[in-house]
Amino acid sequence: MTALAYIGAALAEIAGCFAFWTWLRLDKSAWWVLPGIASLCLFAYLLTLVDAEHAGRTYAAYGGVYIVAALGWLWVVEGFVPDRWDVIGAGVSLVGAALILFGPRGG
């Protein structure tokens, strides 16, 4: 469930931000903002489904998933293939996210 919540949240956040990007940077209609806002609300909701004791840890671990999803968006939606440094960086970020979320805790 955690992985699905993170993946869904990442896609919703990127789609929401891309809607604003489309409006402000690509000079498209301001109507792009409405689905963007809905998507960002879905993003926030999906992060609440992650089974973690603290919100900050949930958000920190999410960062790694976001990086991978953003590179996927770059490739699939924008048509730009990530290079080896993008892939290596994404792998490092996922290792960091896993350590934050699943690392052993004292106490």
N, C-alpha and C. Protein backbone atom coordinates (compact mmCIF):
# COMPACT_ATOMS: atom_id res chain seq x y z
N MET A 1 0.83 -1.20 0.00
CA MET A 1 0.00 0.00 0.00
C MET A 1 0.87 1.26 0.00
N THR A 2 1.98 1.23 0.74
CA THR A 2 2.86 2.38 0.81
C THR A 2 3.41 2.74 -0.57
N ALA A 3 3.87 1.74 -1.30
CA ALA A 3 4.43 2.00 -2.63
C ALA A 3 3.38 2.60 -3.57
N LEU A 4 2.16 2.06 -3.52
CA LEU A 4 1.10 2.58 -4.38
C LEU A 4 0.72 4.01 -4.01
N ALA A 5 0.68 4.29 -2.70
CA ALA A 5 0.36 5.65 -2.26
C ALA A 5 1.44 6.63 -2.72
N TYR A 6 2.71 6.23 -2.60
CA TYR A 6 3.80 7.10 -3.03
C TYR A 6 3.79 7.32 -4.55
N ILE A 7 3.57 6.26 -5.30
CA ILE A 7 3.55 6.39 -6.77
C ILE A 7 2.38 7.25 -7.21
N GLY A 8 1.21 7.00 -6.64
CA GLY A 8 0.04 7.82 -6.97
C GLY A 8 0.25 9.27 -6.59
N ALA A 9 0.83 9.51 -5.41
CA ALA A 9 1.09 10.88 -4.97
C ALA A 9 2.07 11.57 -5.91
N ALA A 10 3.10 10.87 -6.32
CA ALA A 10 4.09 11.47 -7.21
C ALA A 10 3.46 11.85 -8.55
N LEU A 11 2.68 10.95 -9.11
CA LEU A 11 2.04 11.26 -10.39
C LEU A 11 1.06 12.42 -10.25
N ALA A 12 0.31 12.44 -9.15
CA ALA A 12 -0.64 13.53 -8.93
C ALA A 12 0.08 14.86 -8.73
N GLU A 13 1.18 14.86 -8.00
CA GLU A 13 1.91 16.11 -7.78
C GLU A 13 2.53 16.62 -9.08
N ILE A 14 3.15 15.72 -9.82
CA ILE A 14 3.79 16.15 -11.06
C ILE A 14 2.74 16.65 -12.05
N ALA A 15 1.62 15.94 -12.16
CA ALA A 15 0.56 16.39 -13.06
C ALA A 15 0.02 17.75 -12.65
N GLY A 16 -0.17 17.96 -11.35
CA GLY A 16 -0.66 19.24 -10.86
C GLY A 16 0.31 20.37 -11.13
N CYS A 17 1.58 20.12 -10.87
CA CYS A 17 2.59 21.15 -11.13
C CYS A 17 2.74 21.39 -12.63
N PHE A 18 2.64 20.32 -13.42
CA PHE A 18 2.76 20.48 -14.87
C PHE A 18 1.61 21.31 -15.42
N ALA A 19 0.43 21.21 -14.81
CA ALA A 19 -0.71 22.03 -15.24
C ALA A 19 -0.38 23.51 -15.07
N PHE A 20 0.23 23.87 -13.95
CA PHE A 20 0.63 25.27 -13.74
C PHE A 20 1.75 25.65 -14.70
N TRP A 21 2.68 24.74 -14.91
CA TRP A 21 3.78 24.98 -15.87
C TRP A 21 3.20 25.26 -17.25
N THR A 22 2.21 24.46 -17.64
CA THR A 22 1.58 24.61 -18.95
C THR A 22 0.93 25.98 -19.09
N TRP A 23 0.27 26.41 -18.05
CA TRP A 23 -0.39 27.72 -18.07
C TRP A 23 0.64 28.85 -18.10
N LEU A 24 1.60 28.81 -17.18
CA LEU A 24 2.50 29.94 -16.99
C LEU A 24 3.71 29.96 -17.92
N ARG A 25 4.21 28.78 -18.27
CA ARG A 25 5.43 28.73 -19.08
C ARG A 25 5.16 28.43 -20.55
N LEU A 26 4.07 27.73 -20.82
CA LEU A 26 3.76 27.37 -22.21
C LEU A 26 2.63 28.21 -22.78
N ASP A 27 2.21 29.22 -22.01
CA ASP A 27 1.19 30.18 -22.45
C ASP A 27 -0.12 29.53 -22.89
N LYS A 28 -0.52 28.50 -22.15
CA LYS A 28 -1.82 27.86 -22.41
C LYS A 28 -2.88 28.52 -21.54
N SER A 29 -4.11 28.10 -21.72
CA SER A 29 -5.25 28.68 -21.01
C SER A 29 -5.11 28.54 -19.48
N ALA A 30 -5.64 29.53 -18.78
CA ALA A 30 -5.68 29.48 -17.31
C ALA A 30 -6.57 28.34 -16.82
N TRP A 31 -7.39 27.79 -17.66
CA TRP A 31 -8.23 26.65 -17.28
C TRP A 31 -7.41 25.43 -16.89
N TRP A 32 -6.15 25.40 -17.30
CA TRP A 32 -5.26 24.31 -16.89
C TRP A 32 -5.10 24.27 -15.37
N VAL A 33 -5.32 25.39 -14.71
CA VAL A 33 -5.14 25.46 -13.26
C VAL A 33 -6.16 24.59 -12.51
N LEU A 34 -7.38 24.50 -13.01
CA LEU A 34 -8.41 23.74 -12.29
C LEU A 34 -8.06 22.26 -12.13
N PRO A 35 -7.71 21.53 -13.18
CA PRO A 35 -7.29 20.15 -12.94
C PRO A 35 -5.99 20.07 -12.16
N GLY A 36 -5.16 21.10 -12.30
CA GLY A 36 -3.92 21.14 -11.52
C GLY A 36 -4.18 21.20 -10.03
N ILE A 37 -5.11 22.03 -9.62
CA ILE A 37 -5.47 22.13 -8.20
C ILE A 37 -6.05 20.81 -7.70
N ALA A 38 -6.94 20.22 -8.49
CA ALA A 38 -7.54 18.93 -8.09
C ALA A 38 -6.46 17.87 -7.94
N SER A 39 -5.51 17.86 -8.85
CA SER A 39 -4.43 16.89 -8.80
C SER A 39 -3.55 17.09 -7.58
N LEU A 40 -3.27 18.34 -7.23
CA LEU A 40 -2.46 18.61 -6.04
C LEU A 40 -3.20 18.25 -4.75
N CYS A 41 -4.51 18.39 -4.74
CA CYS A 41 -5.30 17.94 -3.58
C CYS A 41 -5.23 16.43 -3.45
N LEU A 42 -5.33 15.72 -4.58
CA LEU A 42 -5.21 14.26 -4.57
C LEU A 42 -3.83 13.85 -4.06
N PHE A 43 -2.80 14.54 -4.49
CA PHE A 43 -1.43 14.29 -4.02
C PHE A 43 -1.36 14.35 -2.49
N ALA A 44 -1.89 15.42 -1.91
CA ALA A 44 -1.84 15.59 -0.45
C ALA A 44 -2.61 14.48 0.25
N TYR A 45 -3.76 14.13 -0.28
CA TYR A 45 -4.56 13.05 0.32
C TYR A 45 -3.80 11.72 0.27
N LEU A 46 -3.22 11.40 -0.86
CA LEU A 46 -2.54 10.11 -1.00
C LEU A 46 -1.38 9.96 -0.02
N LEU A 47 -0.68 11.04 0.28
CA LEU A 47 0.41 10.94 1.26
C LEU A 47 -0.10 10.60 2.65
N THR A 48 -1.36 10.93 2.95
CA THR A 48 -1.90 10.58 4.27
C THR A 48 -2.14 9.09 4.40
N LEU A 49 -2.13 8.36 3.29
CA LEU A 49 -2.36 6.91 3.32
C LEU A 49 -1.11 6.10 3.66
N VAL A 50 0.05 6.76 3.66
CA VAL A 50 1.30 6.07 3.97
C VAL A 50 1.33 5.74 5.45
N ASP A 51 1.65 4.49 5.75
CA ASP A 51 1.69 4.03 7.13
C ASP A 51 3.04 4.38 7.76
N ALA A 52 3.11 5.58 8.31
CA ALA A 52 4.32 6.04 8.98
C ALA A 52 3.89 6.81 10.22
N GLU A 53 4.73 6.75 11.23
CA GLU A 53 4.39 7.39 12.51
C GLU A 53 4.42 8.91 12.44
N HIS A 54 5.29 9.46 11.61
CA HIS A 54 5.47 10.91 11.56
C HIS A 54 5.34 11.43 10.13
N ALA A 55 4.66 12.53 9.97
CA ALA A 55 4.45 13.12 8.64
C ALA A 55 5.78 13.51 8.00
N GLY A 56 6.68 14.10 8.76
CA GLY A 56 7.95 14.53 8.20
C GLY A 56 8.75 13.39 7.60
N ARG A 57 8.74 12.24 8.25
CA ARG A 57 9.44 11.08 7.70
C ARG A 57 8.75 10.60 6.42
N THR A 58 7.44 10.65 6.41
CA THR A 58 6.70 10.27 5.20
C THR A 58 7.09 11.17 4.05
N TYR A 59 7.14 12.48 4.28
CA TYR A 59 7.47 13.44 3.23
C TYR A 59 8.92 13.29 2.78
N ALA A 60 9.81 13.04 3.72
CA ALA A 60 11.23 12.89 3.38
C ALA A 60 11.44 11.67 2.49
N ALA A 61 10.84 10.55 2.85
CA ALA A 61 10.98 9.34 2.05
C ALA A 61 10.32 9.51 0.68
N TYR A 62 9.24 10.25 0.65
CA TYR A 62 8.54 10.50 -0.61
C TYR A 62 9.44 11.21 -1.63
N GLY A 63 10.37 11.99 -1.14
CA GLY A 63 11.25 12.73 -2.04
C GLY A 63 11.97 11.83 -3.04
N GLY A 64 12.42 10.67 -2.60
CA GLY A 64 13.09 9.74 -3.50
C GLY A 64 12.16 9.22 -4.58
N VAL A 65 10.94 8.90 -4.18
CA VAL A 65 9.95 8.42 -5.15
C VAL A 65 9.63 9.53 -6.15
N TYR A 66 9.50 10.75 -5.66
CA TYR A 66 9.21 11.89 -6.54
C TYR A 66 10.29 12.06 -7.61
N ILE A 67 11.54 11.92 -7.22
CA ILE A 67 12.63 12.07 -8.17
C ILE A 67 12.51 11.06 -9.30
N VAL A 68 12.26 9.81 -8.96
CA VAL A 68 12.10 8.77 -9.98
C VAL A 68 10.89 9.06 -10.87
N ALA A 69 9.78 9.45 -10.25
CA ALA A 69 8.57 9.75 -11.03
C ALA A 69 8.79 10.95 -11.95
N ALA A 70 9.51 11.96 -11.47
CA ALA A 70 9.77 13.14 -12.30
C ALA A 70 10.62 12.77 -13.52
N LEU A 71 11.57 11.88 -13.34
CA LEU A 71 12.37 11.44 -14.49
C LEU A 71 11.54 10.60 -15.44
N GLY A 72 10.61 9.81 -14.90
CA GLY A 72 9.68 9.07 -15.75
C GLY A 72 8.81 10.01 -16.55
N TRP A 73 8.34 11.07 -15.92
CA TRP A 73 7.52 12.10 -16.60
C TRP A 73 8.35 12.75 -17.72
N LEU A 74 9.59 13.08 -17.39
CA LEU A 74 10.50 13.68 -18.37
C LEU A 74 10.57 12.81 -19.62
N TRP A 75 10.66 11.50 -19.41
CA TRP A 75 10.82 10.57 -20.52
C TRP A 75 9.50 10.33 -21.26
N VAL A 76 8.45 9.97 -20.52
CA VAL A 76 7.19 9.57 -21.15
C VAL A 76 6.39 10.75 -21.69
N VAL A 77 6.27 11.81 -20.90
CA VAL A 77 5.41 12.93 -21.28
C VAL A 77 6.17 13.97 -22.12
N GLU A 78 7.39 14.27 -21.71
CA GLU A 78 8.14 15.33 -22.40
C GLU A 78 9.05 14.80 -23.51
N GLY A 79 9.21 13.48 -23.58
CA GLY A 79 9.97 12.88 -24.66
C GLY A 79 11.48 13.06 -24.59
N PHE A 80 12.00 13.31 -23.39
CA PHE A 80 13.44 13.50 -23.20
C PHE A 80 13.97 12.34 -22.36
N VAL A 81 14.88 11.57 -22.92
CA VAL A 81 15.39 10.38 -22.23
C VAL A 81 16.40 10.78 -21.15
N PRO A 82 16.16 10.36 -19.89
CA PRO A 82 17.12 10.65 -18.82
C PRO A 82 18.49 10.02 -19.15
N ASP A 83 19.55 10.71 -18.76
CA ASP A 83 20.88 10.16 -19.00
C ASP A 83 21.34 9.30 -17.82
N ARG A 84 22.53 8.76 -17.91
CA ARG A 84 23.01 7.84 -16.86
C ARG A 84 23.10 8.52 -15.51
N TRP A 85 23.41 9.82 -15.49
CA TRP A 85 23.51 10.52 -14.21
C TRP A 85 22.14 10.71 -13.58
N ASP A 86 21.14 10.91 -14.40
CA ASP A 86 19.77 10.96 -13.89
C ASP A 86 19.40 9.62 -13.25
N VAL A 87 19.73 8.53 -13.94
CA VAL A 87 19.38 7.19 -13.44
C VAL A 87 20.15 6.87 -12.16
N ILE A 88 21.44 7.19 -12.14
CA ILE A 88 22.24 6.94 -10.92
C ILE A 88 21.70 7.77 -9.76
N GLY A 89 21.43 9.04 -10.02
CA GLY A 89 20.88 9.90 -8.96
C GLY A 89 19.55 9.40 -8.44
N ALA A 90 18.70 8.92 -9.34
CA ALA A 90 17.40 8.38 -8.92
C ALA A 90 17.60 7.14 -8.06
N GLY A 91 18.54 6.29 -8.43
CA GLY A 91 18.81 5.09 -7.62
C GLY A 91 19.30 5.46 -6.23
N VAL A 92 20.20 6.42 -6.15
CA VAL A 92 20.70 6.88 -4.85
C VAL A 92 19.55 7.44 -4.01
N SER A 93 18.67 8.20 -4.65
CA SER A 93 17.56 8.80 -3.90
C SER A 93 16.60 7.72 -3.39
N LEU A 94 16.39 6.66 -4.16
CA LEU A 94 15.51 5.58 -3.69
C LEU A 94 16.13 4.83 -2.51
N VAL A 95 17.43 4.64 -2.54
CA VAL A 95 18.11 4.01 -1.40
C VAL A 95 17.93 4.89 -0.17
N GLY A 96 18.12 6.18 -0.33
CA GLY A 96 17.92 7.11 0.79
C GLY A 96 16.49 7.09 1.30
N ALA A 97 15.52 7.06 0.40
CA ALA A 97 14.11 7.01 0.80
C ALA A 97 13.82 5.74 1.58
N ALA A 98 14.37 4.61 1.13
CA ALA A 98 14.15 3.34 1.83
C ALA A 98 14.76 3.38 3.22
N LEU A 99 15.95 3.95 3.34
CA LEU A 99 16.59 4.07 4.66
C LEU A 99 15.74 4.92 5.61
N ILE A 100 15.22 6.01 5.11
CA ILE A 100 14.38 6.89 5.94
C ILE A 100 13.12 6.18 6.39
N LEU A 101 12.48 5.49 5.47
CA LEU A 101 11.18 4.90 5.78
C LEU A 101 11.29 3.58 6.54
N PHE A 102 12.26 2.75 6.18
CA PHE A 102 12.30 1.38 6.73
C PHE A 102 13.50 1.12 7.63
N GLY A 103 14.37 2.09 7.85
CA GLY A 103 15.55 1.88 8.68
C GLY A 103 15.17 1.56 10.12
N PRO A 104 16.01 0.75 10.76
CA PRO A 104 15.72 0.40 12.16
C PRO A 104 15.79 1.63 13.06
N ARG A 105 14.89 1.72 13.96
CA ARG A 105 14.83 2.85 14.88
C ARG A 105 15.07 2.36 16.30
N GLY A 106 15.86 3.10 17.02
CA GLY A 106 16.11 2.79 18.43
C GLY A 106 14.95 3.24 19.28
N GLY A 107 14.76 2.60 20.39
CA GLY A 107 13.74 3.08 21.32
C GLY A 107 12.60 2.22 21.39
